[in-house]
C-alpha cells in the first residue's frame, strides 16, 4: 500500500466561466426524476478530474476548444445534462431540459504531468470539472455502472415508478436508519474543522491485493477485488476510529442494477439504477475477527440487491420523506474502476487518470490508476479525523504486507472465524 504526500505548489490562471450549449437544437421538456434519483442524501455535486498527456503533433490544437466542441456535440444526444434541476410539488426533483448548457472554465498551470507524477491521484491538486457540473452526485453514481444510450431514452421516472400505486417496505433498508447511541459519533466529519481532518489517497497494487487475498481462508479467496478491498478498508477504518466494542458500525457498497436481467431495467433507461444495501455489525466483532468476517457480511449485503429491494428503496423515499443515508458509524464505498474514464479520448490519447477528485465525508470512490513505476492498481481516497488517519495508515500497511498469513494460521479454525457473528 502506498500513500500519496504532496509537497509542492504551483500557480494557475483561469478564464471567465462560460456555458457550453448543445451543437444543435434539442427538445425542450420537463422530465420527472425517479424516486431513486430523488434521494435527499444525493443532492450535492461531486467533482471529477481527467489528466491527459500532450502530443507534439497536436501541439497547435487548443485543448479547451477541442473539449468544448466535443461536449457541445455530445449534449445533442444527452440533452438533459444541458438542462437544470428543479423542484415541483413536495420537493420532487425534475430536469428542465432547456438547453442552457454546462458550465466551463478554462485554466492554465505552469507545470507538467511529469513534474506532478503520482500527485494526480485523488485528492487531486487541480480541480477541473468540465463534464457534469450542473448535475448532482446521483448522476455520477449512476455512471459508475452504465453508459448512456442515445436515441433510446426511456423516461427517467419509468423504472422505479414515480406514479406507481401500492407502496410497501419489503426490505429493512438499514442504509437509511440511523443507529441510536448514547455517545457522540467519533467519526462525525461534518462537525470537525478542516484542521482536524485529513484527506489522503492509498494505492493498492497487485502485490497488495495478493497479500490481502492470502489472509483469507481458501473458500473465500474467489471473492472479487472490490469485496476484498472493501473488507480490508472497513476493518482498518473501524479499528482506526477506536470505537467501543458495542458501537454499531456499517458498510454500504454501491451496487448497480445494470446488467442484472432479474431487475428488468428498461433498455435505454438513463436514470439512476443503484442502491447501497448495508452490512452492520458490532465494532468489536469487526476489529477482533479476521478480515474474512467482514467480507462475508459484505457479500450478504450485496446479495440483497434484487427487484424487490430496489422497489422498497423507492417506496421508502416516498413514504418516509426522502431520508438521507445513515452517517453514524457508516462507510459508503463505490467502484469507478470499470466506468471507462480511461477510454475517453479527445484527441490526445487515453487519460492518464480519470475519476473522482477525492473522497467526501463517509464516502470513498475506488479508481483505476497506473503509478509512475508502471504498476496498475486501485487508488482509494479517504477522509478521516487526523488521529484516526495515523492509525489507519499503520493498519493498512500491516495488513497488506507481503508476509501475510495463509488460511492455516491461528486466525481460523477449520476455515471459520473463532468469534461468533453479530445478531444484527
Protein backbone atom coordinates (compact mmCIF):
# COMPACT_ATOMS: atom_id res chain seq x y z
CA UNK A 1 0.00 0.00 0.00
CA UNK A 2 1.26 3.44 -0.87
CA UNK A 3 0.03 6.75 0.49
CA UNK A 4 0.46 9.94 -1.51
CA UNK A 5 2.02 13.01 0.12
CA UNK A 6 2.10 16.36 -1.65
CA UNK A 7 4.91 18.81 -1.07
CA UNK A 8 4.86 21.24 -3.99
CA UNK A 9 2.99 24.32 -5.14
CA UNK A 10 2.16 25.92 -8.48
CA UNK A 11 0.06 28.76 -9.82
CA UNK A 12 -2.93 28.62 -12.16
CA UNK A 13 -4.62 31.16 -14.40
CA UNK A 14 -8.23 30.74 -15.42
CA UNK A 15 -10.71 32.41 -17.74
CA UNK A 16 -14.20 33.64 -17.02
CA UNK A 17 -16.85 30.94 -16.73
CA UNK A 18 -18.93 30.29 -19.84
CA UNK A 19 -21.75 27.95 -20.85
CA UNK A 20 -21.30 25.21 -23.46
CA UNK A 21 -24.63 24.56 -25.18
CA UNK A 22 -25.71 21.67 -27.45
CA UNK A 23 -24.43 21.97 -31.02
CA UNK A 24 -27.95 21.50 -32.41
CA UNK A 25 -31.47 22.28 -31.17
CA UNK A 26 -32.68 19.83 -28.53
CA UNK A 27 -36.13 19.02 -27.11
CA UNK A 28 -37.49 21.44 -24.51
CA UNK A 29 -39.36 19.39 -21.95
CA UNK A 30 -39.51 18.59 -18.26
CA UNK A 31 -38.54 15.11 -17.07
CA UNK A 32 -39.53 13.91 -13.64
CA UNK A 33 -36.76 12.07 -11.83
CA UNK A 34 -37.40 8.67 -10.30
CA UNK A 35 -37.75 8.09 -6.58
CA UNK A 36 -34.24 6.60 -6.61
CA UNK A 37 -32.88 9.83 -8.13
CA UNK A 38 -34.85 11.90 -5.65
CA UNK A 39 -32.89 10.99 -2.52
CA UNK A 40 -32.02 13.78 -0.11
CA UNK A 41 -28.58 12.37 0.61
CA UNK A 42 -27.52 12.61 -3.03
CA UNK A 43 -28.30 16.28 -3.58
CA UNK A 44 -24.80 17.64 -3.89
CA UNK A 45 -22.12 17.85 -6.54
CA UNK A 46 -19.07 15.64 -6.93
CA UNK A 47 -16.04 16.92 -8.89
CA UNK A 48 -14.38 14.67 -11.47
CA UNK A 49 -10.93 15.18 -12.99
CA UNK A 50 -9.15 13.81 -16.05
CA UNK A 51 -5.48 14.13 -16.96
CA UNK A 52 -4.07 13.64 -20.48
CA UNK A 53 -0.59 13.64 -21.96
CA UNK A 54 0.01 16.24 -24.66
CA UNK A 55 1.25 15.26 -28.13
CA UNK A 56 3.65 17.23 -30.27
CA UNK A 57 1.54 16.50 -33.33
CA UNK A 58 -1.41 18.10 -31.56
CA UNK A 59 0.54 20.99 -30.08
CA UNK A 60 -1.23 23.58 -32.25
CA UNK A 61 -4.67 22.45 -31.15
CA UNK A 62 -6.34 24.32 -28.33
CA UNK A 63 -7.30 21.65 -25.74
CA UNK A 64 -10.05 23.79 -24.25
CA UNK A 65 -11.61 24.36 -27.68
CA UNK A 66 -11.46 20.66 -28.56
CA UNK A 67 -13.11 19.68 -25.29
CA UNK A 68 -15.79 22.35 -25.60
CA UNK A 69 -16.66 21.21 -29.12
CA UNK A 70 -16.79 17.58 -28.01
CA UNK A 71 -19.10 18.42 -25.12
CA UNK A 72 -21.30 20.51 -27.37
CA UNK A 73 -21.73 17.61 -29.81
CA UNK A 74 -22.36 15.11 -27.00
CA UNK A 75 -25.05 17.31 -25.45
CA UNK A 76 -27.17 16.89 -28.57
CA UNK A 77 -27.72 13.27 -27.57
CA UNK A 78 -27.51 13.70 -23.80
CA UNK A 79 -29.54 16.89 -23.74
CA UNK A 80 -30.88 16.52 -20.16
CA UNK A 81 -27.31 17.23 -18.98
CA UNK A 82 -27.59 20.66 -20.58
CA UNK A 83 -30.71 21.39 -18.55
CA UNK A 84 -31.34 22.46 -14.98
CA UNK A 85 -32.56 20.66 -11.90
CA UNK A 86 -35.73 21.99 -10.36
CA UNK A 87 -38.29 21.12 -7.73
CA UNK A 88 -42.03 20.73 -8.10
CA UNK A 89 -44.69 19.79 -5.52
CA UNK A 90 -43.35 18.08 -2.38
CA UNK A 91 -39.78 18.95 -3.46
CA UNK A 92 -39.89 16.36 -6.22
CA UNK A 93 -36.83 16.72 -8.47
CA UNK A 94 -37.26 17.31 -12.19
CA UNK A 95 -34.89 18.10 -15.03
CA UNK A 96 -35.89 21.11 -17.08
CA UNK A 97 -34.46 20.28 -20.49
CA UNK A 98 -33.92 23.82 -21.71
CA UNK A 99 -30.54 23.56 -23.46
CA UNK A 100 -28.90 26.21 -21.29
CA UNK A 101 -25.66 24.26 -21.31
CA UNK A 102 -22.94 23.18 -18.88
CA UNK A 103 -20.51 25.48 -17.09
CA UNK A 104 -16.97 25.55 -18.48
CA UNK A 105 -13.85 27.31 -17.19
CA UNK A 106 -10.51 27.18 -18.99
CA UNK A 107 -7.42 27.14 -16.75
CA UNK A 108 -3.65 27.00 -17.29
CA UNK A 109 -0.88 25.89 -14.94
CA UNK A 110 2.87 26.20 -15.46
CA UNK A 111 3.64 22.60 -14.57
CA UNK A 112 3.90 19.32 -16.44
CA UNK A 113 2.39 15.89 -15.80
CA UNK A 114 5.91 14.54 -15.37
CA UNK A 115 6.51 17.01 -12.55
CA UNK A 116 3.25 16.02 -10.87
CA UNK A 117 3.97 12.30 -11.10
CA UNK A 118 1.73 10.34 -8.75
CA UNK A 119 0.40 13.61 -7.31
CA UNK A 120 -2.50 13.35 -9.76
CA UNK A 121 -4.03 10.67 -7.57
CA UNK A 122 -7.01 11.94 -5.62
CA UNK A 123 -7.31 14.13 -3.65
CA UNK A 124 -6.35 15.91 -6.85
CA UNK A 125 -4.38 19.13 -6.83
CA UNK A 126 -6.10 20.66 -9.85
CA UNK A 127 -9.88 20.61 -9.79
CA UNK A 128 -11.01 20.78 -13.43
CA UNK A 129 -14.64 19.77 -13.58
CA UNK A 130 -15.96 20.02 -17.10
CA UNK A 131 -18.46 17.30 -17.80
CA UNK A 132 -21.31 17.19 -15.28
CA UNK A 133 -21.02 20.47 -13.32
CA UNK A 134 -24.76 21.18 -13.33
CA UNK A 135 -25.95 17.83 -12.02
CA UNK A 136 -25.60 16.27 -8.56
CA UNK A 137 -23.84 13.22 -7.17
CA UNK A 138 -26.57 10.83 -8.27
CA UNK A 139 -25.72 11.46 -11.95
CA UNK A 140 -22.12 10.39 -11.35
CA UNK A 141 -23.02 7.39 -9.21
CA UNK A 142 -25.17 6.02 -11.99
CA UNK A 143 -22.29 6.50 -14.39
CA UNK A 144 -20.38 4.06 -12.20
CA UNK A 145 -22.47 1.32 -13.71
CA UNK A 146 -23.58 2.29 -17.21
CA UNK A 147 -23.03 4.11 -20.45
CA UNK A 148 -25.83 6.40 -21.58
CA UNK A 149 -27.60 5.17 -24.70
CA UNK A 150 -28.55 7.98 -27.06
CA UNK A 151 -31.78 7.73 -29.05
CA UNK A 152 -33.16 5.10 -26.63
CA UNK A 153 -34.29 7.38 -23.87
CA UNK A 154 -36.70 5.65 -21.54
CA UNK A 155 -38.44 8.23 -19.37
CA UNK A 156 -36.40 8.89 -16.25
CA UNK A 157 -39.28 8.01 -13.96
CA UNK A 158 -40.28 4.91 -15.89
CA UNK A 159 -38.42 2.23 -13.99
CA UNK A 160 -38.82 2.96 -10.29
CA UNK A 161 -42.36 4.12 -10.77
CA UNK A 162 -42.85 7.67 -9.53
CA UNK A 163 -46.53 7.25 -10.40
CA UNK A 164 -46.78 3.69 -9.10
CA UNK A 165 -49.62 2.85 -6.71
CA UNK A 166 -49.49 0.48 -3.75
CA UNK A 167 -46.23 1.25 -1.98
CA UNK A 168 -44.74 -1.15 0.59
CA UNK A 169 -41.48 -1.50 2.53
CA UNK A 170 -40.32 -5.01 1.63
CA UNK A 171 -36.77 -4.78 2.96
CA UNK A 172 -35.15 -3.49 6.18
CA UNK A 173 -33.14 -0.83 4.29
CA UNK A 174 -30.59 -0.37 7.07
CA UNK A 175 -28.77 2.24 4.98
CA UNK A 176 -31.46 4.80 5.83
CA UNK A 177 -31.79 4.11 9.55
CA UNK A 178 -29.52 5.97 11.95
CA UNK A 179 -28.50 3.75 14.89
CA UNK A 180 -29.27 5.00 18.38
CA UNK A 181 -26.24 5.71 20.55
CA UNK A 182 -25.68 7.45 23.87
CA UNK A 183 -22.21 8.50 22.76
CA UNK A 184 -21.27 11.18 20.18
CA UNK A 185 -20.14 9.73 16.89
CA UNK A 186 -16.29 9.80 16.93
CA UNK A 187 -16.20 9.85 13.13
CA UNK A 188 -18.62 12.77 12.71
CA UNK A 189 -16.69 14.53 9.98
CA UNK A 190 -19.42 17.10 9.43
CA UNK A 191 -18.74 18.78 12.79
CA UNK A 192 -14.93 18.68 12.70
CA UNK A 193 -12.95 21.73 11.50
CA UNK A 194 -10.74 21.24 8.46
CA UNK A 195 -7.54 21.23 10.53
CA UNK A 196 -8.77 18.16 12.40
CA UNK A 197 -9.49 16.06 9.32
CA UNK A 198 -7.06 14.52 6.84
CA UNK A 199 -7.70 13.67 3.18
CA UNK A 200 -5.31 11.03 1.82
CA UNK A 201 -5.26 8.51 -1.00
CA UNK A 202 -3.98 4.95 -0.87
CA UNK A 203 -2.66 2.98 -3.84
CA UNK A 204 -3.20 -0.78 -3.84
CA UNK A 205 -1.08 -2.61 -6.41
CA UNK A 206 -1.14 -6.30 -7.44
CA UNK A 207 1.13 -7.37 -4.57
CA UNK A 208 -1.05 -5.63 -2.01
CA UNK A 209 -4.18 -7.32 -3.38
CA UNK A 210 -2.40 -10.70 -3.35
CA UNK A 211 -1.33 -10.20 0.26
CA UNK A 212 -4.90 -9.41 1.25
CA UNK A 213 -6.22 -12.45 -0.58
CA UNK A 214 -3.68 -14.66 1.19
CA UNK A 215 -5.18 -13.61 4.51
CA UNK A 216 -8.47 -15.27 3.63
CA UNK A 217 -9.44 -18.91 4.09
CA UNK A 218 -9.44 -20.80 0.81
CA UNK A 219 -13.23 -20.86 0.48
CA UNK A 220 -13.28 -17.02 0.36
CA UNK A 221 -10.34 -16.41 -1.97
CA UNK A 222 -12.56 -16.38 -5.04
CA UNK A 223 -14.09 -13.09 -3.89
CA UNK A 224 -13.97 -10.07 -6.16
CA UNK A 225 -11.27 -7.44 -5.74
CA UNK A 226 -13.98 -4.95 -4.77
CA UNK A 227 -15.23 -7.23 -1.97
CA UNK A 228 -11.68 -7.90 -0.79
CA UNK A 229 -10.64 -4.26 -0.72
CA UNK A 230 -13.89 -3.17 0.90
CA UNK A 231 -13.46 -5.72 3.70
CA UNK A 232 -9.90 -4.52 4.29
CA UNK A 233 -10.87 -0.85 4.41
CA UNK A 234 -13.90 -1.46 6.65
CA UNK A 235 -11.83 -3.42 9.15
CA UNK A 236 -8.91 -0.96 9.20
CA UNK A 237 -11.19 2.09 9.33
CA UNK A 238 -13.20 0.65 12.23
CA UNK A 239 -10.04 -0.12 14.21
CA UNK A 240 -8.57 3.29 13.43
CA UNK A 241 -11.62 5.11 14.81
CA UNK A 242 -11.02 3.43 18.19
CA UNK A 243 -14.70 2.75 18.84
CA UNK A 244 -16.22 0.99 21.80
CA UNK A 245 -16.74 -2.73 21.04
CA UNK A 246 -20.51 -2.34 21.43
CA UNK A 247 -20.79 0.56 18.97
CA UNK A 248 -22.68 -0.27 15.76
CA UNK A 249 -20.72 0.11 12.51
CA UNK A 250 -21.85 -0.47 8.96
CA UNK A 251 -20.63 -0.57 5.37
CA UNK A 252 -22.73 0.45 2.36
CA UNK A 253 -21.32 -0.62 -1.03
CA UNK A 254 -22.95 0.99 -4.06
CA UNK A 255 -24.41 -1.86 -6.14
CA UNK A 256 -25.61 -1.39 -9.71
CA UNK A 257 -28.75 -2.77 -11.28
CA UNK A 258 -27.19 -2.51 -14.73
CA UNK A 259 -26.62 -5.85 -16.42
CA UNK A 260 -28.88 -7.75 -14.00
CA UNK A 261 -31.71 -9.24 -16.03
CA UNK A 262 -33.73 -10.11 -12.94
CA UNK A 263 -34.18 -6.39 -12.20
CA UNK A 264 -35.99 -5.70 -15.51
CA UNK A 265 -34.22 -2.42 -16.20
CA UNK A 266 -35.72 -0.92 -19.38
CA UNK A 267 -33.41 -0.67 -22.36
CA UNK A 268 -32.14 2.89 -22.66
CA UNK A 269 -33.08 3.86 -19.12
CA UNK A 270 -30.74 6.67 -18.04
CA UNK A 271 -31.95 7.41 -14.56
CA UNK A 272 -30.09 6.12 -11.54
CA UNK A 273 -30.02 2.36 -11.18
CA UNK A 274 -28.15 1.61 -8.00
CA UNK A 275 -28.66 1.04 -4.31
CA UNK A 276 -26.35 0.66 -1.35
CA UNK A 277 -27.52 -2.29 0.78
CA UNK A 278 -25.84 -2.17 4.17
CA UNK A 279 -23.97 -4.68 6.31
CA UNK A 280 -23.96 -3.95 10.04
CA UNK A 281 -22.01 -5.31 12.98
CA UNK A 282 -20.67 -4.52 16.42
CA UNK A 283 -17.36 -2.67 16.12
CA UNK A 284 -15.70 -5.22 18.39
CA UNK A 285 -16.58 -8.06 16.04
CA UNK A 286 -15.11 -6.26 13.04
CA UNK A 287 -11.91 -5.45 14.95
CA UNK A 288 -11.37 -8.79 16.69
CA UNK A 289 -12.36 -11.13 13.87
CA UNK A 290 -10.12 -11.78 10.86
CA UNK A 291 -10.89 -9.94 7.63
CA UNK A 292 -13.00 -12.81 6.29
CA UNK A 293 -15.73 -11.97 8.81
CA UNK A 294 -16.20 -8.50 7.32
CA UNK A 295 -16.03 -9.91 3.79
CA UNK A 296 -18.85 -12.39 4.44
CA UNK A 297 -21.06 -9.62 5.81
CA UNK A 298 -20.38 -7.55 2.68
CA UNK A 299 -21.31 -10.48 0.46
CA UNK A 300 -24.55 -10.98 2.36
CA UNK A 301 -25.40 -7.30 1.92
CA UNK A 302 -24.71 -7.42 -1.82
CA UNK A 303 -26.95 -10.47 -2.16
CA UNK A 304 -29.92 -8.34 -1.04
CA UNK A 305 -29.84 -6.45 -4.33
CA UNK A 306 -32.91 -7.56 -6.28
CA UNK A 307 -36.05 -6.06 -7.80
CA UNK A 308 -37.93 -6.18 -4.51
CA UNK A 309 -35.11 -4.37 -2.75
CA UNK A 310 -35.00 -1.59 -5.34
CA UNK A 311 -38.78 -1.17 -5.13
CA UNK A 312 -38.53 -0.97 -1.36
CA UNK A 313 -35.93 1.82 -1.60
CA UNK A 314 -38.14 3.78 -3.99
CA UNK A 315 -41.17 3.34 -1.76
CA UNK A 316 -39.18 4.33 1.32
CA UNK A 317 -38.27 7.64 -0.30
CA UNK A 318 -41.97 8.46 -0.72
CA UNK A 319 -43.37 7.01 2.49
CA UNK A 320 -40.64 8.33 4.82
CA UNK A 321 -39.99 11.71 3.21
CA UNK A 322 -36.65 11.03 1.49
CA UNK A 323 -34.48 10.08 4.48
CA UNK A 324 -30.76 10.58 3.92
CA UNK A 325 -28.36 7.66 4.14
CA UNK A 326 -27.05 6.78 7.59
CA UNK A 327 -23.86 8.52 8.66
CA UNK A 328 -23.35 7.47 12.27
CA UNK A 329 -20.84 4.61 12.13
CA UNK A 330 -21.33 4.10 8.40
CA UNK A 331 -18.88 3.99 5.49
CA UNK A 332 -20.03 4.11 1.86
CA UNK A 333 -17.84 2.84 -0.99
CA UNK A 334 -18.30 2.98 -4.76
CA UNK A 335 -16.25 1.32 -7.51
CA UNK A 336 -15.46 3.54 -10.50
CA UNK A 337 -12.67 1.33 -11.89
CA UNK A 338 -14.86 -0.02 -14.70
CA UNK A 339 -16.68 3.14 -15.69
CA UNK A 340 -14.39 3.74 -18.66
CA UNK A 341 -12.83 7.09 -17.77
CA UNK A 342 -9.53 5.79 -19.18
CA UNK A 343 -11.18 5.17 -22.56
CA UNK A 344 -12.13 8.83 -23.07
CA UNK A 345 -10.04 10.32 -25.89
CA UNK A 346 -10.38 13.95 -27.01
CA UNK A 347 -7.51 13.51 -29.48
CA UNK A 348 -4.54 13.21 -27.14
CA UNK A 349 -4.86 9.54 -26.34
CA UNK A 350 -6.40 7.88 -23.33
CA UNK A 351 -6.49 9.54 -19.93
CA UNK A 352 -3.57 9.15 -17.53
CA UNK A 353 -6.10 9.40 -14.74
CA UNK A 354 -9.84 9.84 -14.82
CA UNK A 355 -12.31 9.71 -11.99
CA UNK A 356 -13.42 11.34 -8.76
CA UNK A 357 -11.27 14.20 -7.48
CA UNK A 358 -11.29 12.74 -3.98
CA UNK A 359 -13.37 11.41 -1.13
CA UNK A 360 -16.26 13.13 0.60
CA UNK A 361 -17.27 12.66 4.25
CA UNK A 362 -18.22 8.99 4.85
CA UNK A 363 -17.75 8.07 1.17
CA UNK A 364 -14.76 6.71 -0.79
CA UNK A 365 -14.57 6.04 -4.53
CA UNK A 366 -12.25 3.39 -5.96
CA UNK A 367 -10.47 4.48 -9.14
CA UNK A 368 -8.13 2.68 -11.52
CA UNK A 369 -4.63 4.15 -11.62
CA UNK A 370 -1.19 3.38 -13.08
CA UNK A 371 1.61 4.82 -10.98
CA UNK A 372 4.91 6.21 -12.24
CA UNK A 373 6.52 2.77 -11.93
CA UNK A 374 4.04 1.37 -14.42
CA UNK A 375 2.02 -0.61 -11.87
CA UNK A 376 -1.71 -0.91 -12.46
CA UNK A 377 -3.74 -0.73 -9.30
CA UNK A 378 -6.61 0.88 -7.44
CA UNK A 379 -6.41 4.22 -5.67
CA UNK A 380 -8.78 4.93 -2.78
CA UNK A 381 -9.15 8.45 -1.30
CA UNK A 382 -10.45 8.63 2.25
CA UNK A 383 -11.35 11.34 4.77
CA UNK A 384 -10.72 10.67 8.47
CA UNK A 385 -10.08 12.56 11.71
CA UNK A 386 -6.35 13.30 11.99
CA UNK A 387 -5.61 10.86 14.82
CA UNK A 388 -7.60 8.12 13.13
CA UNK A 389 -5.72 8.62 9.85
CA UNK A 390 -2.38 7.93 11.52
CA UNK A 391 -3.71 4.66 12.94
CA UNK A 392 -5.38 3.80 9.63
CA UNK A 393 -2.11 4.18 7.73
CA UNK A 394 -0.32 1.84 10.12
CA UNK A 395 -3.11 -0.74 9.98
CA UNK A 396 -3.32 -0.79 6.19
CA UNK A 397 0.45 -1.09 5.86
CA UNK A 398 0.41 -4.05 8.22
CA UNK A 399 -2.48 -5.91 6.63
CA UNK A 400 -1.10 -5.51 3.08
CA UNK A 401 2.44 -6.59 4.00
CA UNK A 402 3.89 -9.39 1.91
CA UNK A 403 4.29 -11.75 4.87
CA UNK A 404 0.54 -12.18 5.18
CA UNK A 405 -0.62 -15.33 6.91
CA UNK A 406 -2.46 -18.01 4.96
CA UNK A 407 -5.68 -19.67 5.92
CA UNK A 408 -3.89 -22.27 8.05
CA UNK A 409 -2.85 -19.60 10.57
CA UNK A 410 -4.22 -19.21 14.05
CA UNK A 411 -6.76 -16.71 12.75
CA UNK A 412 -9.02 -19.52 11.57
CA UNK A 413 -10.12 -22.87 12.82
CA UNK A 414 -11.39 -25.20 10.08
CA UNK A 415 -11.95 -22.22 7.81
CA UNK A 416 -14.25 -20.41 10.24
CA UNK A 417 -13.63 -17.34 12.34
CA UNK A 418 -13.42 -18.02 16.06
CA UNK A 419 -15.70 -15.17 17.12
CA UNK A 420 -19.46 -15.54 16.90
CA UNK A 421 -21.23 -13.31 14.43
CA UNK A 422 -23.35 -10.36 15.34
CA UNK A 423 -27.03 -10.99 15.83
CA UNK A 424 -27.93 -7.79 13.96
